[in-house]
Amino acid sequence: MMQRADTRSQTLDAGLGSVLMVEDNLRVSEEISLVLEHAGWRVRCVPDGKSFRHAVAELAPTLVVLDLNLPGEDGISLCKWLRSTLSGVGIVLLTARVMGSERTEGYMAGADVYLTKPTRPEELLAVLHNLSRRAAPGPRLASPQATEPWTLHSKSMRLLSPQGDILSLTRSECGLLQHLGDAPGVCSYEELIDALGSGGLNDKVDKARLEVLVSRLRTKLRHVKELGLELKTVHGKGYQLAQALRVQAI
């Protein structure tokens, strides 16, 4: 079991990325999350392979802390899939297994670091810090908001933030963002409903569908806290984007 440590010396840095932790032991998951969040990481926790794959598709993490002993699909299989899906992500295997052959298997599956339980919080924080430096080796010389817009890849239906976070979108979410990104100003409710297709519903129902779609997309965007892409409601008129969005047909 991981013991809590005094992490007051860790600097809370909004520039730290996101950590996705896959751990079926709720107590261990909560303890590690507390340490990482106190140090400045954005942490999401899932208990098994199915929810892990869904979480990666929803928002690509900077780093993954992956337990090997999971219900259903094991950590080695998930590690191989993750490495083939996101080649640049940092992967830490955290497990009670201590055999050398299992450690080798973990590295062969694509892990960057193999840590055995119980793990000192200071060691895990140091590992994550080093992996994040590898992913972003140089300091930013200018604010990413000033130099890089958000990018919508319309064909693959993925949204890329200036920090490199990736959000997977549904077809409707992608269509909504593409229309808002192409518009010079406010998009009326009628324009967005026509662009997305009303399906022959009445105006009241069509507007309700649009509001649900906007709400769902806003929920996804909240996962990316820094320089978040904001969908502004212009009351009585429609919606518009508060930040620039570059649309690419890839």
C-alpha atoms as a PDB file:
ATOM      1  CA  MET A   1       0.000   0.000   0.000  1.00  0.00           C
ATOM      2  CA  MET A   2       1.278   3.432  -0.861  1.00  0.00           C
ATOM      3  CA  GLN A   3       1.839   5.596   2.211  1.00  0.00           C
ATOM      4  CA  ARG A   4       1.000   9.287   2.249  1.00  0.00           C
ATOM      5  CA  ALA A   5       3.892  11.683   2.386  1.00  0.00           C
ATOM      6  CA  ASP A   6       4.371  15.368   3.046  1.00  0.00           C
ATOM      7  CA  THR A   7       4.240  16.848  -0.444  1.00  0.00           C
ATOM      8  CA  ARG A   8       4.176  20.492   0.652  1.00  0.00           C
ATOM      9  CA  SER A   9       7.546  21.052  -1.017  1.00  0.00           C
ATOM     10  CA  GLN A  10       6.009  20.196  -4.386  1.00  0.00           C
ATOM     11  CA  THR A  11       5.142  23.340  -6.355  1.00  0.00           C
ATOM     12  CA  LEU A  12       1.623  23.532  -7.651  1.00  0.00           C
ATOM     13  CA  ASP A  13       2.186  24.085 -11.369  1.00  0.00           C
ATOM     14  CA  ALA A  14      -0.718  24.625 -13.732  1.00  0.00           C
ATOM     15  CA  GLY A  15       1.614  23.538 -16.536  1.00  0.00           C
ATOM     16  CA  LEU A  16       1.655  19.926 -15.354  1.00  0.00           C
ATOM     17  CA  GLY A  17      -0.269  17.532 -17.562  1.00  0.00           C
ATOM     18  CA  SER A  18      -2.906  14.926 -16.938  1.00  0.00           C
ATOM     19  CA  VAL A  19      -2.409  11.528 -15.329  1.00  0.00           C
ATOM     20  CA  LEU A  20      -4.782   8.664 -16.033  1.00  0.00           C
ATOM     21  CA  MET A  21      -4.570   6.034 -13.300  1.00  0.00           C
ATOM     22  CA  VAL A  22      -5.860   2.507 -13.801  1.00  0.00           C
ATOM     23  CA  GLU A  23      -6.290   0.874 -10.405  1.00  0.00           C
ATOM     24  CA  ASP A  24      -9.112  -1.365  -9.175  1.00  0.00           C
ATOM     25  CA  ASN A  25      -8.271  -0.894  -5.480  1.00  0.00           C
ATOM     26  CA  LEU A  26     -10.284   2.168  -4.489  1.00  0.00           C
ATOM     27  CA  ARG A  27      -8.178   2.946  -1.412  1.00  0.00           C
ATOM     28  CA  VAL A  28      -4.919   2.865  -3.368  1.00  0.00           C
ATOM     29  CA  SER A  29      -6.485   4.926  -6.149  1.00  0.00           C
ATOM     30  CA  GLU A  30      -7.679   7.615  -3.732  1.00  0.00           C
ATOM     31  CA  GLU A  31      -4.348   7.817  -1.892  1.00  0.00           C
ATOM     32  CA  ILE A  32      -2.279   8.185  -5.066  1.00  0.00           C
ATOM     33  CA  SER A  33      -4.749  10.691  -6.519  1.00  0.00           C
ATOM     34  CA  LEU A  34      -4.464  12.853  -3.406  1.00  0.00           C
ATOM     35  CA  VAL A  35      -0.678  12.941  -3.658  1.00  0.00           C
ATOM     36  CA  LEU A  36      -0.626  13.688  -7.387  1.00  0.00           C
ATOM     37  CA  GLU A  37      -3.321  16.359  -7.255  1.00  0.00           C
ATOM     38  CA  HIS A  38      -1.555  18.079  -4.359  1.00  0.00           C
ATOM     39  CA  ALA A  39       1.586  18.183  -6.513  1.00  0.00           C
ATOM     40  CA  GLY A  40      -0.324  19.834  -9.357  1.00  0.00           C
ATOM     41  CA  TRP A  41      -1.350  17.008 -11.675  1.00  0.00           C
ATOM     42  CA  ARG A  42      -4.819  16.624 -13.167  1.00  0.00           C
ATOM     43  CA  VAL A  43      -5.833  13.078 -12.251  1.00  0.00           C
ATOM     44  CA  ARG A  44      -8.508  10.758 -13.586  1.00  0.00           C
ATOM     45  CA  CYS A  45      -9.022   7.273 -12.133  1.00  0.00           C
ATOM     46  CA  VAL A  46     -10.608   4.223 -13.731  1.00  0.00           C
ATOM     47  CA  PRO A  47     -10.906   0.672 -12.340  1.00  0.00           C
ATOM     48  CA  ASP A  48     -10.587  -1.579 -15.391  1.00  0.00           C
ATOM     49  CA  GLY A  49      -9.605  -1.972 -19.026  1.00  0.00           C
ATOM     50  CA  LYS A  50     -12.971  -1.101 -20.546  1.00  0.00           C
ATOM     51  CA  SER A  51     -13.255   2.219 -18.735  1.00  0.00           C
ATOM     52  CA  PHE A  52      -9.567   2.875 -19.436  1.00  0.00           C
ATOM     53  CA  ARG A  53     -10.027   2.565 -23.208  1.00  0.00           C
ATOM     54  CA  HIS A  54     -13.073   4.827 -23.018  1.00  0.00           C
ATOM     55  CA  ALA A  55     -11.162   7.438 -20.974  1.00  0.00           C
ATOM     56  CA  VAL A  56      -8.248   7.477 -23.456  1.00  0.00           C
ATOM     57  CA  ALA A  57     -10.653   7.951 -26.370  1.00  0.00           C
ATOM     58  CA  GLU A  58     -12.386  10.809 -24.548  1.00  0.00           C
ATOM     59  CA  LEU A  59      -9.215  12.680 -23.588  1.00  0.00           C
ATOM     60  CA  ALA A  60      -5.676  11.527 -24.329  1.00  0.00           C
ATOM     61  CA  PRO A  61      -3.575  11.690 -21.124  1.00  0.00           C
ATOM     62  CA  THR A  62      -0.033  12.983 -20.733  1.00  0.00           C
ATOM     63  CA  LEU A  63       0.944  10.063 -18.484  1.00  0.00           C
ATOM     64  CA  VAL A  64      -0.604   6.763 -17.422  1.00  0.00           C
ATOM     65  CA  VAL A  65      -0.098   4.913 -14.138  1.00  0.00           C
ATOM     66  CA  LEU A  66      -1.217   1.372 -14.868  1.00  0.00           C
ATOM     67  CA  ASP A  67      -1.711  -1.507 -12.461  1.00  0.00           C
ATOM     68  CA  LEU A  68      -1.015  -4.979 -13.880  1.00  0.00           C
ATOM     69  CA  ASN A  69      -3.546  -6.958 -11.828  1.00  0.00           C
ATOM     70  CA  LEU A  70      -6.877  -5.764 -13.147  1.00  0.00           C
ATOM     71  CA  PRO A  71     -10.265  -7.413 -13.570  1.00  0.00           C
ATOM     72  CA  GLY A  72     -10.854  -8.526 -17.158  1.00  0.00           C
ATOM     73  CA  GLU A  73      -8.097  -7.348 -19.497  1.00  0.00           C
ATOM     74  CA  ASP A  74      -4.736  -7.236 -17.714  1.00  0.00           C
ATOM     75  CA  GLY A  75      -2.241  -4.407 -17.588  1.00  0.00           C
ATOM     76  CA  ILE A  76       0.235  -5.919 -20.061  1.00  0.00           C
ATOM     77  CA  SER A  77      -2.410  -6.103 -22.782  1.00  0.00           C
ATOM     78  CA  LEU A  78      -3.547  -2.553 -22.033  1.00  0.00           C
ATOM     79  CA  CYS A  79       0.037  -1.317 -22.064  1.00  0.00           C
ATOM     80  CA  LYS A  80       0.628  -2.795 -25.541  1.00  0.00           C
ATOM     81  CA  TRP A  81      -2.585  -1.245 -26.837  1.00  0.00           C
ATOM     82  CA  LEU A  82      -1.791   2.156 -25.346  1.00  0.00           C
ATOM     83  CA  ARG A  83       1.740   2.233 -26.737  1.00  0.00           C
ATOM     84  CA  SER A  84       0.455   1.410 -30.234  1.00  0.00           C
ATOM     85  CA  THR A  85      -2.323   3.997 -29.920  1.00  0.00           C
ATOM     86  CA  LEU A  86      -0.405   6.892 -28.310  1.00  0.00           C
ATOM     87  CA  SER A  87       3.278   6.382 -28.993  1.00  0.00           C
ATOM     88  CA  GLY A  88       4.412   9.426 -27.027  1.00  0.00           C
ATOM     89  CA  VAL A  89       2.504   8.869 -23.796  1.00  0.00           C
ATOM     90  CA  GLY A  90       4.486   8.100 -20.634  1.00  0.00           C
ATOM     91  CA  ILE A  91       3.558   4.742 -19.092  1.00  0.00           C
ATOM     92  CA  VAL A  92       4.306   3.739 -15.491  1.00  0.00           C
ATOM     93  CA  LEU A  93       3.493   0.184 -14.454  1.00  0.00           C
ATOM     94  CA  LEU A  94       2.656   0.046 -10.741  1.00  0.00           C
ATOM     95  CA  THR A  95       2.282  -3.472  -9.388  1.00  0.00           C
ATOM     96  CA  ALA A  96       3.003  -5.900  -6.582  1.00  0.00           C
ATOM     97  CA  ARG A  97       4.666  -8.320  -9.025  1.00  0.00           C
ATOM     98  CA  VAL A  98       8.393  -8.534  -8.327  1.00  0.00           C
ATOM     99  CA  MET A  99       9.690 -11.296 -10.626  1.00  0.00           C
ATOM    100  CA  GLY A 100      12.347 -10.215 -13.109  1.00  0.00           C
ATOM    101  CA  SER A 101      10.565 -11.937 -15.994  1.00  0.00           C
ATOM    102  CA  GLU A 102       7.417  -9.930 -15.317  1.00  0.00           C
ATOM    103  CA  ARG A 103       9.420  -6.703 -15.193  1.00  0.00           C
ATOM    104  CA  THR A 104      10.947  -7.589 -18.576  1.00  0.00           C
ATOM    105  CA  GLU A 105       7.500  -8.359 -19.960  1.00  0.00           C
ATOM    106  CA  GLY A 106       6.315  -4.928 -18.839  1.00  0.00           C
ATOM    107  CA  TYR A 107       9.142  -3.151 -20.624  1.00  0.00           C
ATOM    108  CA  MET A 108       8.614  -5.263 -23.724  1.00  0.00           C
ATOM    109  CA  ALA A 109       4.964  -4.192 -23.707  1.00  0.00           C
ATOM    110  CA  GLY A 110       6.037  -0.551 -23.930  1.00  0.00           C
ATOM    111  CA  ALA A 111       6.275   0.661 -20.329  1.00  0.00           C
ATOM    112  CA  ASP A 112       8.731   3.448 -19.525  1.00  0.00           C
ATOM    113  CA  VAL A 113       9.068   2.694 -15.816  1.00  0.00           C
ATOM    114  CA  TYR A 114       8.170  -0.346 -13.691  1.00  0.00           C
ATOM    115  CA  LEU A 115       7.518   0.383 -10.005  1.00  0.00           C
ATOM    116  CA  THR A 116       6.654  -2.224  -7.383  1.00  0.00           C
ATOM    117  CA  LYS A 117       4.223  -1.679  -4.520  1.00  0.00           C
ATOM    118  CA  PRO A 118       4.506  -0.250  -1.966  1.00  0.00           C
ATOM    119  CA  THR A 119       5.927   2.780  -3.774  1.00  0.00           C
ATOM    120  CA  ARG A 120       7.098   5.918  -2.014  1.00  0.00           C
ATOM    121  CA  PRO A 121       5.138   8.992  -3.190  1.00  0.00           C
ATOM    122  CA  GLU A 122       8.385  10.898  -3.734  1.00  0.00           C
ATOM    123  CA  GLU A 123       9.612   8.228  -6.131  1.00  0.00           C
ATOM    124  CA  LEU A 124       6.395   8.206  -8.151  1.00  0.00           C
ATOM    125  CA  LEU A 125       6.357  12.014  -8.359  1.00  0.00           C
ATOM    126  CA  ALA A 126       9.972  12.039  -9.530  1.00  0.00           C
ATOM    127  CA  VAL A 127       9.209   9.428 -12.193  1.00  0.00           C
ATOM    128  CA  LEU A 128       6.214  11.378 -13.484  1.00  0.00           C
ATOM    129  CA  HIS A 129       8.198  14.609 -13.510  1.00  0.00           C
ATOM    130  CA  ASN A 130      10.993  13.040 -15.562  1.00  0.00           C
ATOM    131  CA  LEU A 131       8.565  11.484 -18.029  1.00  0.00           C
ATOM    132  CA  SER A 132       6.751  14.788 -18.479  1.00  0.00           C
ATOM    133  CA  ARG A 133      10.072  16.530 -19.172  1.00  0.00           C
ATOM    134  CA  ARG A 134      10.779  13.967 -21.868  1.00  0.00           C
ATOM    135  CA  ALA A 135       7.419  14.682 -23.462  1.00  0.00           C
ATOM    136  CA  ALA A 136       8.005  18.457 -23.344  1.00  0.00           C
ATOM    137  CA  PRO A 137      11.787  19.021 -23.206  1.00  0.00           C
ATOM    138  CA  GLY A 138      11.917  22.757 -23.722  1.00  0.00           C
ATOM    139  CA  PRO A 139      10.246  25.685 -21.941  1.00  0.00           C
ATOM    140  CA  ARG A 140       7.635  27.696 -23.785  1.00  0.00           C
ATOM    141  CA  LEU A 141       8.954  31.109 -24.831  1.00  0.00           C
ATOM    142  CA  ALA A 142       5.491  32.536 -25.318  1.00  0.00           C
ATOM    143  CA  SER A 143       1.982  31.872 -24.135  1.00  0.00           C
ATOM    144  CA  PRO A 144       0.469  29.046 -26.174  1.00  0.00           C
ATOM    145  CA  GLN A 145      -2.750  31.030 -26.335  1.00  0.00           C
ATOM    146  CA  ALA A 146      -0.889  33.773 -28.165  1.00  0.00           C
ATOM    147  CA  THR A 147       0.855  31.497 -30.640  1.00  0.00           C
ATOM    148  CA  GLU A 148      -1.238  28.379 -31.175  1.00  0.00           C
ATOM    149  CA  PRO A 149      -4.998  28.094 -31.664  1.00  0.00           C
ATOM    150  CA  TRP A 150      -7.112  25.055 -31.023  1.00  0.00           C
ATOM    151  CA  THR A 151      -7.244  22.715 -34.019  1.00  0.00           C
ATOM    152  CA  LEU A 152     -10.182  20.625 -35.197  1.00  0.00           C
ATOM    153  CA  HIS A 153      -9.317  17.622 -37.360  1.00  0.00           C
ATOM    154  CA  SER A 154     -12.670  17.204 -39.050  1.00  0.00           C
ATOM    155  CA  LYS A 155     -12.014  13.880 -40.803  1.00  0.00           C
ATOM    156  CA  SER A 156     -10.704  12.044 -37.734  1.00  0.00           C
ATOM    157  CA  MET A 157     -13.111  13.972 -35.453  1.00  0.00           C
ATOM    158  CA  ARG A 158     -10.419  14.958 -32.969  1.00  0.00           C
ATOM    159  CA  LEU A 159      -9.890  18.279 -31.218  1.00  0.00           C
ATOM    160  CA  LEU A 160      -6.317  19.275 -30.337  1.00  0.00           C
ATOM    161  CA  SER A 161      -5.599  21.878 -27.649  1.00  0.00           C
ATOM    162  CA  PRO A 162      -2.541  24.206 -27.736  1.00  0.00           C
ATOM    163  CA  GLN A 163      -1.010  22.023 -24.992  1.00  0.00           C
ATOM    164  CA  GLY A 164      -1.391  18.828 -27.029  1.00  0.00           C
ATOM    165  CA  ASP A 165      -4.449  17.397 -25.256  1.00  0.00           C
ATOM    166  CA  ILE A 166      -6.657  15.399 -27.634  1.00  0.00           C
ATOM    167  CA  LEU A 167     -10.431  15.097 -27.387  1.00  0.00           C
ATOM    168  CA  SER A 168     -12.314  12.515 -29.435  1.00  0.00           C
ATOM    169  CA  LEU A 169     -15.612  13.893 -30.724  1.00  0.00           C
ATOM    170  CA  THR A 170     -18.850  12.466 -31.986  1.00  0.00           C
ATOM    171  CA  ARG A 171     -19.949  13.360 -35.513  1.00  0.00           C
ATOM    172  CA  SER A 172     -22.485  15.866 -34.167  1.00  0.00           C
ATOM    173  CA  GLU A 173     -19.949  17.507 -31.823  1.00  0.00           C
ATOM    174  CA  CYS A 174     -17.445  17.773 -34.647  1.00  0.00           C
ATOM    175  CA  GLY A 175     -20.045  19.291 -36.985  1.00  0.00           C
ATOM    176  CA  LEU A 176     -21.070  21.824 -34.363  1.00  0.00           C
ATOM    177  CA  LEU A 177     -17.489  22.956 -33.724  1.00  0.00           C
ATOM    178  CA  GLN A 178     -16.693  23.084 -37.428  1.00  0.00           C
ATOM    179  CA  HIS A 179     -19.650  25.347 -38.111  1.00  0.00           C
ATOM    180  CA  LEU A 180     -18.813  27.599 -35.158  1.00  0.00           C
ATOM    181  CA  GLY A 181     -15.151  27.714 -36.195  1.00  0.00           C
ATOM    182  CA  ASP A 182     -15.988  28.743 -39.754  1.00  0.00           C
ATOM    183  CA  ALA A 183     -18.423  31.455 -38.668  1.00  0.00           C
ATOM    184  CA  PRO A 184     -17.151  35.055 -38.369  1.00  0.00           C
ATOM    185  CA  GLY A 185     -19.317  35.762 -35.332  1.00  0.00           C
ATOM    186  CA  VAL A 186     -22.461  34.507 -33.635  1.00  0.00           C
ATOM    187  CA  CYS A 187     -24.161  31.437 -35.124  1.00  0.00           C
ATOM    188  CA  SER A 188     -27.910  31.565 -34.697  1.00  0.00           C
ATOM    189  CA  TYR A 189     -29.844  28.617 -33.372  1.00  0.00           C
ATOM    190  CA  GLU A 190     -31.477  28.223 -36.791  1.00  0.00           C
ATOM    191  CA  GLU A 191     -28.118  28.145 -38.628  1.00  0.00           C
ATOM    192  CA  LEU A 192     -26.712  25.475 -36.335  1.00  0.00           C
ATOM    193  CA  ILE A 193     -29.862  23.355 -36.478  1.00  0.00           C
ATOM    194  CA  ASP A 194     -29.830  23.515 -40.293  1.00  0.00           C
ATOM    195  CA  ALA A 195     -26.115  22.665 -40.409  1.00  0.00           C
ATOM    196  CA  LEU A 196     -26.535  19.643 -38.127  1.00  0.00           C
ATOM    197  CA  GLY A 197     -29.826  18.492 -39.677  1.00  0.00           C
ATOM    198  CA  SER A 198     -33.137  18.834 -37.893  1.00  0.00           C
ATOM    199  CA  GLY A 199     -34.437  15.396 -38.786  1.00  0.00           C
ATOM    200  CA  GLY A 200     -37.899  16.857 -39.409  1.00  0.00           C
ATOM    201  CA  LEU A 201     -38.501  17.763 -35.768  1.00  0.00           C
ATOM    202  CA  ASN A 202     -40.281  20.928 -34.657  1.00  0.00           C
ATOM    203  CA  ASP A 203     -38.392  24.067 -33.669  1.00  0.00           C
ATOM    204  CA  LYS A 204     -38.754  23.524 -29.925  1.00  0.00           C
ATOM    205  CA  VAL A 205     -37.456  19.965 -30.063  1.00  0.00           C
ATOM    206  CA  ASP A 206     -34.635  20.916 -32.461  1.00  0.00           C
ATOM    207  CA  LYS A 207     -33.452  23.658 -30.118  1.00  0.00           C
ATOM    208  CA  ALA A 208     -33.567  21.270 -27.156  1.00  0.00           C
ATOM    209  CA  ARG A 209     -31.407  18.765 -29.070  1.00  0.00           C
ATOM    210  CA  LEU A 210     -28.929  21.528 -29.857  1.00  0.00           C
ATOM    211  CA  GLU A 211     -28.759  22.598 -26.201  1.00  0.00           C
ATOM    212  CA  VAL A 212     -28.095  19.011 -25.109  1.00  0.00           C
ATOM    213  CA  LEU A 213     -25.311  18.726 -27.694  1.00  0.00           C
ATOM    214  CA  VAL A 214     -23.703  21.986 -26.522  1.00  0.00           C
ATOM    215  CA  SER A 215     -23.949  20.898 -22.873  1.00  0.00           C
ATOM    216  CA  ARG A 216     -22.307  17.546 -23.636  1.00  0.00           C
ATOM    217  CA  LEU A 217     -19.484  19.212 -25.550  1.00  0.00           C
ATOM    218  CA  ARG A 218     -18.898  21.737 -22.760  1.00  0.00           C
ATOM    219  CA  THR A 219     -18.561  18.852 -20.304  1.00  0.00           C
ATOM    220  CA  LYS A 220     -15.836  17.297 -22.460  1.00  0.00           C
ATOM    221  CA  LEU A 221     -14.005  20.609 -22.793  1.00  0.00           C
ATOM    222  CA  ARG A 222     -13.904  21.090 -19.011  1.00  0.00           C
ATOM    223  CA  HIS A 223     -11.344  18.263 -18.840  1.00  0.00           C
ATOM    224  CA  VAL A 224      -8.864  20.643 -20.463  1.00  0.00           C
ATOM    225  CA  LYS A 225      -8.668  23.334 -17.808  1.00  0.00           C
ATOM    226  CA  GLU A 226      -5.877  25.564 -19.134  1.00  0.00           C
ATOM    227  CA  LEU A 227      -6.847  27.770 -22.074  1.00  0.00           C
ATOM    228  CA  GLY A 228     -10.176  25.986 -22.344  1.00  0.00           C
ATOM    229  CA  LEU A 229     -12.139  26.396 -25.555  1.00  0.00           C
ATOM    230  CA  GLU A 230     -15.331  28.180 -24.507  1.00  0.00           C
ATOM    231  CA  LEU A 231     -18.721  27.919 -26.206  1.00  0.00           C
ATOM    232  CA  LYS A 232     -20.432  31.185 -25.336  1.00  0.00           C
ATOM    233  CA  THR A 233     -24.197  31.528 -25.262  1.00  0.00           C
ATOM    234  CA  VAL A 234     -25.429  34.748 -26.843  1.00  0.00           C
ATOM    235  CA  HIS A 235     -28.871  34.922 -25.273  1.00  0.00           C
ATOM    236  CA  GLY A 236     -31.720  35.170 -27.732  1.00  0.00           C
ATOM    237  CA  LYS A 237     -29.386  34.641 -30.694  1.00  0.00           C
ATOM    238  CA  GLY A 238     -27.224  31.520 -30.577  1.00  0.00           C
ATOM    239  CA  TYR A 239     -23.639  30.485 -29.830  1.00  0.00           C
ATOM    240  CA  GLN A 240     -20.097  31.515 -30.667  1.00  0.00           C
ATOM    241  CA  LEU A 241     -16.554  30.432 -29.826  1.00  0.00           C
ATOM    242  CA  ALA A 242     -14.584  32.633 -27.442  1.00  0.00           C
ATOM    243  CA  GLN A 243     -11.243  31.458 -28.880  1.00  0.00           C
ATOM    244  CA  ALA A 244      -9.894  30.924 -32.369  1.00  0.00           C
ATOM    245  CA  LEU A 245     -10.368  27.466 -33.881  1.00  0.00           C
ATOM    246  CA  ARG A 246      -8.386  26.193 -36.847  1.00  0.00           C
ATOM    247  CA  VAL A 247     -10.248  23.575 -38.899  1.00  0.00           C
ATOM    248  CA  GLN A 248      -8.222  21.017 -40.854  1.00  0.00           C
ATOM    249  CA  ALA A 249      -9.713  18.372 -43.126  1.00  0.00           C
ATOM    250  CA  ILE A 250      -7.600  15.491 -41.821  1.00  0.00           C
END
